[in-house]
Amino acid sequence: GRKRAKLPLSKVRYLNLNTKTEFGIVGEHFFIVTYDREPYGLLIKDK
């Protein structure tokens, strides 16, 4: 989190979540990324 917080325009918060998956939203794009043995993600363009 400290590494991510150093990026420009970045804000980080912490929660007690035990997950290897993250999701995000950029405009009409929704993404899910999972970090396990082989990281992979999905990108969906849907408002």
ModelCIF file with pLDDT and N, C-alpha, C, O atoms, coordinates in Angstrom:
data_MODEL
#
_entry.id   MODEL 
#
_entity.id                         1 
_entity.type                       polymer 
_entity.pdbx_number_of_molecules   1 
#
_entity_poly.entity_id                      1 
_entity_poly.type                           'polypeptide(L)' 
_entity_poly.nstd_linkage                   no 
_entity_poly.nstd_monomer                   no 
_entity_poly.pdbx_seq_one_letter_code       GRKRAKLPLSKVRYLNLNTKTEFGIVGEHFFIVTYDREPYGLLIKDK 
_entity_poly.pdbx_seq_one_letter_code_can   GRKRAKLPLSKVRYLNLNTKTEFGIVGEHFFIVTYDREPYGLLIKDK 
_entity_poly.pdbx_strand_id                 A 
#
loop_
_entity_poly_seq.entity_id 
_entity_poly_seq.num 
_entity_poly_seq.mon_id 
_entity_poly_seq.hetero 
1 1  GLY n 
1 2  ARG n 
1 3  LYS n 
1 4  ARG n 
1 5  ALA n 
1 6  LYS n 
1 7  LEU n 
1 8  PRO n 
1 9  LEU n 
1 10 SER n 
1 11 LYS n 
1 12 VAL n 
1 13 ARG n 
1 14 TYR n 
1 15 LEU n 
1 16 ASN n 
1 17 LEU n 
1 18 ASN n 
1 19 THR n 
1 20 LYS n 
1 21 THR n 
1 22 GLU n 
1 23 PHE n 
1 24 GLY n 
1 25 ILE n 
1 26 VAL n 
1 27 GLY n 
1 28 GLU n 
1 29 HIS n 
1 30 PHE n 
1 31 PHE n 
1 32 ILE n 
1 33 VAL n 
1 34 THR n 
1 35 TYR n 
1 36 ASP n 
1 37 ARG n 
1 38 GLU n 
1 39 PRO n 
1 40 TYR n 
1 41 GLY n 
1 42 LEU n 
1 43 LEU n 
1 44 ILE n 
1 45 LYS n 
1 46 ASP n 
1 47 LYS n 
#
_struct_asym.id          A 
_struct_asym.entity_id   1 
#
loop_
_ma_qa_metric.id 
_ma_qa_metric.mode 
_ma_qa_metric.name 
_ma_qa_metric.software_group_id 
_ma_qa_metric.type 
1 global pLDDT . pLDDT 
2 local  pLDDT . pLDDT 
#
_ma_qa_metric_global.metric_id      1 
_ma_qa_metric_global.metric_value   87.62 
_ma_qa_metric_global.model_id       1 
_ma_qa_metric_global.ordinal_id     1 
#
loop_
_ma_qa_metric_local.label_asym_id 
_ma_qa_metric_local.label_comp_id 
_ma_qa_metric_local.label_seq_id 
_ma_qa_metric_local.metric_id 
_ma_qa_metric_local.metric_value 
_ma_qa_metric_local.model_id 
_ma_qa_metric_local.ordinal_id 
A GLY 1  2 84.00 1 1  
A ARG 2  2 89.00 1 2  
A LYS 3  2 89.00 1 3  
A ARG 4  2 84.00 1 4  
A ALA 5  2 89.00 1 5  
A LYS 6  2 91.00 1 6  
A LEU 7  2 89.00 1 7  
A PRO 8  2 91.00 1 8  
A LEU 9  2 88.00 1 9  
A SER 10 2 87.00 1 10 
A LYS 11 2 88.00 1 11 
A VAL 12 2 89.00 1 12 
A ARG 13 2 90.00 1 13 
A TYR 14 2 90.00 1 14 
A LEU 15 2 88.00 1 15 
A ASN 16 2 90.00 1 16 
A LEU 17 2 82.00 1 17 
A ASN 18 2 83.00 1 18 
A THR 19 2 81.00 1 19 
A LYS 20 2 81.00 1 20 
A THR 21 2 82.00 1 21 
A GLU 22 2 81.00 1 22 
A PHE 23 2 79.00 1 23 
A GLY 24 2 80.00 1 24 
A ILE 25 2 83.00 1 25 
A VAL 26 2 84.00 1 26 
A GLY 27 2 84.00 1 27 
A GLU 28 2 89.00 1 28 
A HIS 29 2 89.00 1 29 
A PHE 30 2 88.00 1 30 
A PHE 31 2 86.00 1 31 
A ILE 32 2 87.00 1 32 
A VAL 33 2 88.00 1 33 
A THR 34 2 88.00 1 34 
A TYR 35 2 83.00 1 35 
A ASP 36 2 83.00 1 36 
A ARG 37 2 87.00 1 37 
A GLU 38 2 92.00 1 38 
A PRO 39 2 91.00 1 39 
A TYR 40 2 93.00 1 40 
A GLY 41 2 94.00 1 41 
A LEU 42 2 94.00 1 42 
A LEU 43 2 94.00 1 43 
A ILE 44 2 94.00 1 44 
A LYS 45 2 96.00 1 45 
A ASP 46 2 93.00 1 46 
A LYS 47 2 93.00 1 47 
#
loop_
_atom_site.group_PDB 
_atom_site.id 
_atom_site.type_symbol 
_atom_site.label_atom_id 
_atom_site.label_alt_id 
_atom_site.label_comp_id 
_atom_site.label_asym_id 
_atom_site.label_entity_id 
_atom_site.label_seq_id 
_atom_site.pdbx_PDB_ins_code 
_atom_site.Cartn_x 
_atom_site.Cartn_y 
_atom_site.Cartn_z 
_atom_site.occupancy 
_atom_site.B_iso_or_equiv 
_atom_site.pdbx_formal_charge 
_atom_site.auth_seq_id 
_atom_site.auth_comp_id 
_atom_site.auth_asym_id 
_atom_site.auth_atom_id 
_atom_site.pdbx_PDB_model_num 
ATOM 1   N N  . GLY A 1 1  ? 0.807   -1.214  0.000   1.00 84.00 ? 1  GLY A N  1 
ATOM 2   C CA . GLY A 1 1  ? 0.000   0.000   0.000   1.00 84.00 ? 1  GLY A CA 1 
ATOM 3   C C  . GLY A 1 1  ? 0.840   1.264   0.000   1.00 84.00 ? 1  GLY A C  1 
ATOM 4   O O  . GLY A 1 1  ? 0.502   2.238   -0.673  1.00 84.00 ? 1  GLY A O  1 
ATOM 5   N N  . ARG A 1 2  ? 1.931   1.254   0.750   1.00 89.00 ? 2  ARG A N  1 
ATOM 6   C CA . ARG A 1 2  ? 2.811   2.438   0.780   1.00 89.00 ? 2  ARG A CA 1 
ATOM 7   C C  . ARG A 1 2  ? 3.424   2.689   -0.595  1.00 89.00 ? 2  ARG A C  1 
ATOM 8   O O  . ARG A 1 2  ? 3.604   3.839   -0.994  1.00 89.00 ? 2  ARG A O  1 
ATOM 9   N N  . LYS A 1 3  ? 3.745   1.624   -1.316  1.00 89.00 ? 3  LYS A N  1 
ATOM 10  C CA . LYS A 1 3  ? 4.287   1.790   -2.681  1.00 89.00 ? 3  LYS A CA 1 
ATOM 11  C C  . LYS A 1 3  ? 3.229   2.400   -3.595  1.00 89.00 ? 3  LYS A C  1 
ATOM 12  O O  . LYS A 1 3  ? 3.517   3.308   -4.376  1.00 89.00 ? 3  LYS A O  1 
ATOM 13  N N  . ARG A 1 4  ? 2.000   1.891   -3.490  1.00 84.00 ? 4  ARG A N  1 
ATOM 14  C CA . ARG A 1 4  ? 0.910   2.403   -4.323  1.00 84.00 ? 4  ARG A CA 1 
ATOM 15  C C  . ARG A 1 4  ? 0.598   3.860   -3.987  1.00 84.00 ? 4  ARG A C  1 
ATOM 16  O O  . ARG A 1 4  ? 0.282   4.645   -4.881  1.00 84.00 ? 4  ARG A O  1 
ATOM 17  N N  . ALA A 1 5  ? 0.683   4.227   -2.707  1.00 89.00 ? 5  ALA A N  1 
ATOM 18  C CA . ALA A 1 5  ? 0.352   5.588   -2.268  1.00 89.00 ? 5  ALA A CA 1 
ATOM 19  C C  . ALA A 1 5  ? 1.330   6.619   -2.828  1.00 89.00 ? 5  ALA A C  1 
ATOM 20  O O  . ALA A 1 5  ? 0.991   7.800   -2.913  1.00 89.00 ? 5  ALA A O  1 
ATOM 21  N N  . LYS A 1 6  ? 2.523   6.202   -3.208  1.00 91.00 ? 6  LYS A N  1 
ATOM 22  C CA . LYS A 1 6  ? 3.517   7.133   -3.763  1.00 91.00 ? 6  LYS A CA 1 
ATOM 23  C C  . LYS A 1 6  ? 3.222   7.511   -5.215  1.00 91.00 ? 6  LYS A C  1 
ATOM 24  O O  . LYS A 1 6  ? 3.785   8.475   -5.733  1.00 91.00 ? 6  LYS A O  1 
ATOM 25  N N  . LEU A 1 7  ? 2.348   6.759   -5.864  1.00 89.00 ? 7  LEU A N  1 
ATOM 26  C CA . LEU A 1 7  ? 2.012   7.068   -7.257  1.00 89.00 ? 7  LEU A CA 1 
ATOM 27  C C  . LEU A 1 7  ? 1.192   8.361   -7.321  1.00 89.00 ? 7  LEU A C  1 
ATOM 28  O O  . LEU A 1 7  ? 0.396   8.626   -6.420  1.00 89.00 ? 7  LEU A O  1 
ATOM 29  N N  . PRO A 1 8  ? 1.374   9.160   -8.364  1.00 91.00 ? 8  PRO A N  1 
ATOM 30  C CA . PRO A 1 8  ? 0.596   10.398  -8.477  1.00 91.00 ? 8  PRO A CA 1 
ATOM 31  C C  . PRO A 1 8  ? -0.907  10.115  -8.493  1.00 91.00 ? 8  PRO A C  1 
ATOM 32  O O  . PRO A 1 8  ? -1.358  9.116   -9.054  1.00 91.00 ? 8  PRO A O  1 
ATOM 33  N N  . LEU A 1 9  ? -1.662  10.999  -7.875  1.00 88.00 ? 9  LEU A N  1 
ATOM 34  C CA . LEU A 1 9  ? -3.129  10.945  -7.841  1.00 88.00 ? 9  LEU A CA 1 
ATOM 35  C C  . LEU A 1 9  ? -3.672  9.680   -7.159  1.00 88.00 ? 9  LEU A C  1 
ATOM 36  O O  . LEU A 1 9  ? -4.813  9.284   -7.399  1.00 88.00 ? 9  LEU A O  1 
ATOM 37  N N  . SER A 1 10 ? -2.855  9.054   -6.312  1.00 87.00 ? 10 SER A N  1 
ATOM 38  C CA . SER A 1 10 ? -3.260  7.807   -5.670  1.00 87.00 ? 10 SER A CA 1 
ATOM 39  C C  . SER A 1 10 ? -3.672  8.022   -4.219  1.00 87.00 ? 10 SER A C  1 
ATOM 40  O O  . SER A 1 10 ? -3.066  8.806   -3.488  1.00 87.00 ? 10 SER A O  1 
ATOM 41  N N  . LYS A 1 11 ? -4.710  7.310   -3.826  1.00 88.00 ? 11 LYS A N  1 
ATOM 42  C CA . LYS A 1 11 ? -5.170  7.297   -2.440  1.00 88.00 ? 11 LYS A CA 1 
ATOM 43  C C  . LYS A 1 11 ? -5.340  5.843   -2.037  1.00 88.00 ? 11 LYS A C  1 
ATOM 44  O O  . LYS A 1 11 ? -5.914  5.045   -2.778  1.00 88.00 ? 11 LYS A O  1 
ATOM 45  N N  . VAL A 1 12 ? -4.836  5.503   -0.853  1.00 89.00 ? 12 VAL A N  1 
ATOM 46  C CA . VAL A 1 12 ? -4.880  4.129   -0.372  1.00 89.00 ? 12 VAL A CA 1 
ATOM 47  C C  . VAL A 1 12 ? -5.567  4.095   0.983   1.00 89.00 ? 12 VAL A C  1 
ATOM 48  O O  . VAL A 1 12 ? -5.328  4.948   1.837   1.00 89.00 ? 12 VAL A O  1 
ATOM 49  N N  . ARG A 1 13 ? -6.419  3.103   1.167   1.00 90.00 ? 13 ARG A N  1 
ATOM 50  C CA . ARG A 1 13 ? -7.024  2.825   2.461   1.00 90.00 ? 13 ARG A CA 1 
ATOM 51  C C  . ARG A 1 13 ? -6.902  1.338   2.730   1.00 90.00 ? 13 ARG A C  1 
ATOM 52  O O  . ARG A 1 13 ? -6.693  0.531   1.824   1.00 90.00 ? 13 ARG A O  1 
ATOM 53  N N  . TYR A 1 14 ? -7.040  0.999   4.014   1.00 90.00 ? 14 TYR A N  1 
ATOM 54  C CA . TYR A 1 14 ? -6.831  -0.383  4.429   1.00 90.00 ? 14 TYR A CA 1 
ATOM 55  C C  . TYR A 1 14 ? -8.068  -0.928  5.122   1.00 90.00 ? 14 TYR A C  1 
ATOM 56  O O  . TYR A 1 14 ? -8.774  -0.220  5.839   1.00 90.00 ? 14 TYR A O  1 
ATOM 57  N N  . LEU A 1 15 ? -8.305  -2.210  4.883   1.00 88.00 ? 15 LEU A N  1 
ATOM 58  C CA . LEU A 1 15 ? -9.436  -2.897  5.483   1.00 88.00 ? 15 LEU A CA 1 
ATOM 59  C C  . LEU A 1 15 ? -9.002  -4.336  5.741   1.00 88.00 ? 15 LEU A C  1 
ATOM 60  O O  . LEU A 1 15 ? -8.141  -4.868  5.041   1.00 88.00 ? 15 LEU A O  1 
ATOM 61  N N  . ASN A 1 16 ? -9.593  -4.948  6.731   1.00 90.00 ? 16 ASN A N  1 
ATOM 62  C CA . ASN A 1 16 ? -9.259  -6.331  7.036   1.00 90.00 ? 16 ASN A CA 1 
ATOM 63  C C  . ASN A 1 16 ? -9.985  -7.245  6.046   1.00 90.00 ? 16 ASN A C  1 
ATOM 64  O O  . ASN A 1 16 ? -11.023 -7.826  6.362   1.00 90.00 ? 16 ASN A O  1 
ATOM 65  N N  . LEU A 1 17 ? -9.427  -7.356  4.867   1.00 82.00 ? 17 LEU A N  1 
ATOM 66  C CA . LEU A 1 17 ? -9.963  -8.204  3.802   1.00 82.00 ? 17 LEU A CA 1 
ATOM 67  C C  . LEU A 1 17 ? -8.926  -9.263  3.472   1.00 82.00 ? 17 LEU A C  1 
ATOM 68  O O  . LEU A 1 17 ? -7.767  -8.934  3.220   1.00 82.00 ? 17 LEU A O  1 
ATOM 69  N N  . ASN A 1 18 ? -9.315  -10.499 3.471   1.00 83.00 ? 18 ASN A N  1 
ATOM 70  C CA . ASN A 1 18 ? -8.395  -11.560 3.107   1.00 83.00 ? 18 ASN A CA 1 
ATOM 71  C C  . ASN A 1 18 ? -8.756  -12.029 1.701   1.00 83.00 ? 18 ASN A C  1 
ATOM 72  O O  . ASN A 1 18 ? -9.450  -13.030 1.518   1.00 83.00 ? 18 ASN A O  1 
ATOM 73  N N  . THR A 1 19 ? -8.276  -11.293 0.729   1.00 81.00 ? 19 THR A N  1 
ATOM 74  C CA . THR A 1 19 ? -8.594  -11.607 -0.664  1.00 81.00 ? 19 THR A CA 1 
ATOM 75  C C  . THR A 1 19 ? -7.368  -11.403 -1.538  1.00 81.00 ? 19 THR A C  1 
ATOM 76  O O  . THR A 1 19 ? -6.506  -10.576 -1.241  1.00 81.00 ? 19 THR A O  1 
ATOM 77  N N  . LYS A 1 20 ? -7.306  -12.149 -2.595  1.00 81.00 ? 20 LYS A N  1 
ATOM 78  C CA . LYS A 1 20 ? -6.231  -12.002 -3.575  1.00 81.00 ? 20 LYS A CA 1 
ATOM 79  C C  . LYS A 1 20 ? -6.776  -11.390 -4.859  1.00 81.00 ? 20 LYS A C  1 
ATOM 80  O O  . LYS A 1 20 ? -6.178  -11.521 -5.927  1.00 81.00 ? 20 LYS A O  1 
ATOM 81  N N  . THR A 1 21 ? -7.917  -10.722 -4.740  1.00 82.00 ? 21 THR A N  1 
ATOM 82  C CA . THR A 1 21 ? -8.576  -10.149 -5.906  1.00 82.00 ? 21 THR A CA 1 
ATOM 83  C C  . THR A 1 21 ? -8.822  -8.670  -5.675  1.00 82.00 ? 21 THR A C  1 
ATOM 84  O O  . THR A 1 21 ? -9.164  -8.256  -4.567  1.00 82.00 ? 21 THR A O  1 
ATOM 85  N N  . GLU A 1 22 ? -8.650  -7.885  -6.710  1.00 81.00 ? 22 GLU A N  1 
ATOM 86  C CA . GLU A 1 22 ? -8.983  -6.463  -6.633  1.00 81.00 ? 22 GLU A CA 1 
ATOM 87  C C  . GLU A 1 22 ? -9.868  -6.115  -7.818  1.00 81.00 ? 22 GLU A C  1 
ATOM 88  O O  . GLU A 1 22 ? -9.862  -6.799  -8.841  1.00 81.00 ? 22 GLU A O  1 
ATOM 89  N N  . PHE A 1 23 ? -10.627 -5.041  -7.662  1.00 79.00 ? 23 PHE A N  1 
ATOM 90  C CA . PHE A 1 23 ? -11.432 -4.570  -8.784  1.00 79.00 ? 23 PHE A CA 1 
ATOM 91  C C  . PHE A 1 23 ? -11.326 -3.071  -8.851  1.00 79.00 ? 23 PHE A C  1 
ATOM 92  O O  . PHE A 1 23 ? -10.958 -2.413  -7.878  1.00 79.00 ? 23 PHE A O  1 
ATOM 93  N N  . GLY A 1 24 ? -11.648 -2.541  -10.002 1.00 80.00 ? 24 GLY A N  1 
ATOM 94  C CA . GLY A 1 24 ? -11.591 -1.104  -10.184 1.00 80.00 ? 24 GLY A CA 1 
ATOM 95  C C  . GLY A 1 24 ? -12.532 -0.653  -11.270 1.00 80.00 ? 24 GLY A C  1 
ATOM 96  O O  . GLY A 1 24 ? -13.043 -1.443  -12.063 1.00 80.00 ? 24 GLY A O  1 
ATOM 97  N N  . ILE A 1 25 ? -12.742 0.654   -11.279 1.00 83.00 ? 25 ILE A N  1 
ATOM 98  C CA . ILE A 1 25 ? -13.632 1.269   -12.250 1.00 83.00 ? 25 ILE A CA 1 
ATOM 99  C C  . ILE A 1 25 ? -12.912 2.460   -12.862 1.00 83.00 ? 25 ILE A C  1 
ATOM 100 O O  . ILE A 1 25 ? -12.365 3.299   -12.147 1.00 83.00 ? 25 ILE A O  1 
ATOM 101 N N  . VAL A 1 26 ? -12.916 2.526   -14.168 1.00 84.00 ? 26 VAL A N  1 
ATOM 102 C CA . VAL A 1 26 ? -12.387 3.682   -14.891 1.00 84.00 ? 26 VAL A CA 1 
ATOM 103 C C  . VAL A 1 26 ? -13.389 3.994   -15.992 1.00 84.00 ? 26 VAL A C  1 
ATOM 104 O O  . VAL A 1 26 ? -13.491 3.260   -16.975 1.00 84.00 ? 26 VAL A O  1 
ATOM 105 N N  . GLY A 1 27 ? -14.124 5.082   -15.824 1.00 84.00 ? 27 GLY A N  1 
ATOM 106 C CA . GLY A 1 27 ? -15.139 5.439   -16.799 1.00 84.00 ? 27 GLY A CA 1 
ATOM 107 C C  . GLY A 1 27 ? -16.182 4.341   -16.908 1.00 84.00 ? 27 GLY A C  1 
ATOM 108 O O  . GLY A 1 27 ? -16.794 3.960   -15.909 1.00 84.00 ? 27 GLY A O  1 
ATOM 109 N N  . GLU A 1 28 ? -16.387 3.833   -18.106 1.00 89.00 ? 28 GLU A N  1 
ATOM 110 C CA . GLU A 1 28 ? -17.346 2.749   -18.338 1.00 89.00 ? 28 GLU A CA 1 
ATOM 111 C C  . GLU A 1 28 ? -16.695 1.369   -18.241 1.00 89.00 ? 28 GLU A C  1 
ATOM 112 O O  . GLU A 1 28 ? -17.332 0.359   -18.541 1.00 89.00 ? 28 GLU A O  1 
ATOM 113 N N  . HIS A 1 29 ? -15.441 1.325   -17.827 1.00 89.00 ? 29 HIS A N  1 
ATOM 114 C CA . HIS A 1 29 ? -14.720 0.061   -17.737 1.00 89.00 ? 29 HIS A CA 1 
ATOM 115 C C  . HIS A 1 29 ? -14.677 -0.422  -16.291 1.00 89.00 ? 29 HIS A C  1 
ATOM 116 O O  . HIS A 1 29 ? -14.398 0.345   -15.370 1.00 89.00 ? 29 HIS A O  1 
ATOM 117 N N  . PHE A 1 30 ? -14.958 -1.697  -16.116 1.00 88.00 ? 30 PHE A N  1 
ATOM 118 C CA . PHE A 1 30 ? -14.880 -2.365  -14.829 1.00 88.00 ? 30 PHE A CA 1 
ATOM 119 C C  . PHE A 1 30 ? -13.858 -3.488  -14.981 1.00 88.00 ? 30 PHE A C  1 
ATOM 120 O O  . PHE A 1 30 ? -13.915 -4.255  -15.941 1.00 88.00 ? 30 PHE A O  1 
ATOM 121 N N  . PHE A 1 31 ? -12.911 -3.587  -14.024 1.00 86.00 ? 31 PHE A N  1 
ATOM 122 C CA . PHE A 1 31 ? -11.930 -4.659  -14.134 1.00 86.00 ? 31 PHE A CA 1 
ATOM 123 C C  . PHE A 1 31 ? -11.806 -5.432  -12.829 1.00 86.00 ? 31 PHE A C  1 
ATOM 124 O O  . PHE A 1 31 ? -12.026 -4.901  -11.740 1.00 86.00 ? 31 PHE A O  1 
ATOM 125 N N  . ILE A 1 32 ? -11.448 -6.700  -12.973 1.00 87.00 ? 32 ILE A N  1 
ATOM 126 C CA . ILE A 1 32 ? -11.168 -7.581  -11.842 1.00 87.00 ? 32 ILE A CA 1 
ATOM 127 C C  . ILE A 1 32 ? -9.814  -8.226  -12.131 1.00 87.00 ? 32 ILE A C  1 
ATOM 128 O O  . ILE A 1 32 ? -9.572  -8.732  -13.227 1.00 87.00 ? 32 ILE A O  1 
ATOM 129 N N  . VAL A 1 33 ? -8.935  -8.196  -11.124 1.00 88.00 ? 33 VAL A N  1 
ATOM 130 C CA . VAL A 1 33 ? -7.636  -8.837  -11.250 1.00 88.00 ? 33 VAL A CA 1 
ATOM 131 C C  . VAL A 1 33 ? -7.465  -9.756  -10.048 1.00 88.00 ? 33 VAL A C  1 
ATOM 132 O O  . VAL A 1 33 ? -7.713  -9.352  -8.912  1.00 88.00 ? 33 VAL A O  1 
ATOM 133 N N  . THR A 1 34 ? -7.043  -10.985 -10.295 1.00 88.00 ? 34 THR A N  1 
ATOM 134 C CA . THR A 1 34 ? -6.792  -11.915 -9.201  1.00 88.00 ? 34 THR A CA 1 
ATOM 135 C C  . THR A 1 34 ? -5.316  -12.276 -9.193  1.00 88.00 ? 34 THR A C  1 
ATOM 136 O O  . THR A 1 34 ? -4.705  -12.484 -10.241 1.00 88.00 ? 34 THR A O  1 
ATOM 137 N N  . TYR A 1 35 ? -4.756  -12.346 -7.995  1.00 83.00 ? 35 TYR A N  1 
ATOM 138 C CA . TYR A 1 35 ? -3.339  -12.646 -7.822  1.00 83.00 ? 35 TYR A CA 1 
ATOM 139 C C  . TYR A 1 35 ? -3.223  -13.978 -7.095  1.00 83.00 ? 35 TYR A C  1 
ATOM 140 O O  . TYR A 1 35 ? -3.376  -14.050 -5.876  1.00 83.00 ? 35 TYR A O  1 
ATOM 141 N N  . ASP A 1 36 ? -2.955  -15.013 -7.848  1.00 83.00 ? 36 ASP A N  1 
ATOM 142 C CA . ASP A 1 36 ? -2.729  -16.329 -7.270  1.00 83.00 ? 36 ASP A CA 1 
ATOM 143 C C  . ASP A 1 36 ? -1.470  -16.861 -7.936  1.00 83.00 ? 36 ASP A C  1 
ATOM 144 O O  . ASP A 1 36 ? -0.554  -16.086 -8.210  1.00 83.00 ? 36 ASP A O  1 
ATOM 145 N N  . ARG A 1 37 ? -1.401  -18.108 -8.194  1.00 87.00 ? 37 ARG A N  1 
ATOM 146 C CA . ARG A 1 37 ? -0.205  -18.651 -8.862  1.00 87.00 ? 37 ARG A CA 1 
ATOM 147 C C  . ARG A 1 37 ? 0.015   -17.994 -10.212 1.00 87.00 ? 37 ARG A C  1 
ATOM 148 O O  . ARG A 1 37 ? 1.139   -17.632 -10.561 1.00 87.00 ? 37 ARG A O  1 
ATOM 149 N N  . GLU A 1 38 ? -1.057  -17.842 -10.966 1.00 92.00 ? 38 GLU A N  1 
ATOM 150 C CA . GLU A 1 38 ? -1.015  -17.186 -12.271 1.00 92.00 ? 38 GLU A CA 1 
ATOM 151 C C  . GLU A 1 38 ? -1.974  -16.004 -12.240 1.00 92.00 ? 38 GLU A C  1 
ATOM 152 O O  . GLU A 1 38 ? -3.185  -16.204 -12.328 1.00 92.00 ? 38 GLU A O  1 
ATOM 153 N N  . PRO A 1 39 ? -1.469  -14.779 -12.116 1.00 91.00 ? 39 PRO A N  1 
ATOM 154 C CA . PRO A 1 39 ? -2.378  -13.620 -12.101 1.00 91.00 ? 39 PRO A CA 1 
ATOM 155 C C  . PRO A 1 39 ? -3.121  -13.494 -13.432 1.00 91.00 ? 39 PRO A C  1 
ATOM 156 O O  . PRO A 1 39 ? -2.560  -13.755 -14.496 1.00 91.00 ? 39 PRO A O  1 
ATOM 157 N N  . TYR A 1 40 ? -4.368  -13.098 -13.355 1.00 93.00 ? 40 TYR A N  1 
ATOM 158 C CA . TYR A 1 40 ? -5.134  -12.833 -14.571 1.00 93.00 ? 40 TYR A CA 1 
ATOM 159 C C  . TYR A 1 40 ? -6.238  -11.845 -14.249 1.00 93.00 ? 40 TYR A C  1 
ATOM 160 O O  . TYR A 1 40 ? -6.560  -11.610 -13.084 1.00 93.00 ? 40 TYR A O  1 
ATOM 161 N N  . GLY A 1 41 ? -6.814  -11.273 -15.291 1.00 94.00 ? 41 GLY A N  1 
ATOM 162 C CA . GLY A 1 41 ? -7.845  -10.269 -15.086 1.00 94.00 ? 41 GLY A CA 1 
ATOM 163 C C  . GLY A 1 41 ? -8.909  -10.293 -16.158 1.00 94.00 ? 41 GLY A C  1 
ATOM 164 O O  . GLY A 1 41 ? -8.764  -10.914 -17.211 1.00 94.00 ? 41 GLY A O  1 
ATOM 165 N N  . LEU A 1 42 ? -9.973  -9.597  -15.849 1.00 94.00 ? 42 LEU A N  1 
ATOM 166 C CA . LEU A 1 42 ? -11.088 -9.420  -16.777 1.00 94.00 ? 42 LEU A CA 1 
ATOM 167 C C  . LEU A 1 42 ? -11.349 -7.928  -16.915 1.00 94.00 ? 42 LEU A C  1 
ATOM 168 O O  . LEU A 1 42 ? -11.276 -7.190  -15.933 1.00 94.00 ? 42 LEU A O  1 
ATOM 169 N N  . LEU A 1 43 ? -11.646 -7.492  -18.103 1.00 94.00 ? 43 LEU A N  1 
ATOM 170 C CA . LEU A 1 43 ? -12.010 -6.107  -18.361 1.00 94.00 ? 43 LEU A CA 1 
ATOM 171 C C  . LEU A 1 43 ? -13.356 -6.107  -19.060 1.00 94.00 ? 43 LEU A C  1 
ATOM 172 O O  . LEU A 1 43 ? -13.527 -6.726  -20.110 1.00 94.00 ? 43 LEU A O  1 
ATOM 173 N N  . ILE A 1 44 ? -14.308 -5.406  -18.463 1.00 94.00 ? 44 ILE A N  1 
ATOM 174 C CA . ILE A 1 44 ? -15.657 -5.352  -19.019 1.00 94.00 ? 44 ILE A CA 1 
ATOM 175 C C  . ILE A 1 44 ? -16.001 -3.894  -19.283 1.00 94.00 ? 44 ILE A C  1 
ATOM 176 O O  . ILE A 1 44 ? -15.923 -3.056  -18.384 1.00 94.00 ? 44 ILE A O  1 
ATOM 177 N N  . LYS A 1 45 ? -16.380 -3.595  -20.518 1.00 96.00 ? 45 LYS A N  1 
ATOM 178 C CA . LYS A 1 45 ? -16.823 -2.244  -20.841 1.00 96.00 ? 45 LYS A CA 1 
ATOM 179 C C  . LYS A 1 45 ? -18.353 -2.263  -20.814 1.00 96.00 ? 45 LYS A C  1 
ATOM 180 O O  . LYS A 1 45 ? -19.006 -2.720  -21.752 1.00 96.00 ? 45 LYS A O  1 
ATOM 181 N N  . ASP A 1 46 ? -18.899 -1.754  -19.711 1.00 93.00 ? 46 ASP A N  1 
ATOM 182 C CA . ASP A 1 46 ? -20.343 -1.754  -19.538 1.00 93.00 ? 46 ASP A CA 1 
ATOM 183 C C  . ASP A 1 46 ? -20.689 -0.712  -18.481 1.00 93.00 ? 46 ASP A C  1 
ATOM 184 O O  . ASP A 1 46 ? -20.267 -0.830  -17.330 1.00 93.00 ? 46 ASP A O  1 
ATOM 185 N N  . LYS A 1 47 ? -21.446 0.292   -18.860 1.00 93.00 ? 47 LYS A N  1 
ATOM 186 C CA . LYS A 1 47 ? -21.783 1.378   -17.943 1.00 93.00 ? 47 LYS A CA 1 
ATOM 187 C C  . LYS A 1 47 ? -22.544 0.863   -16.725 1.00 93.00 ? 47 LYS A C  1 
ATOM 188 O O  . LYS A 1 47 ? -22.907 1.646   -15.847 1.00 93.00 ? 47 LYS A O  1 
#
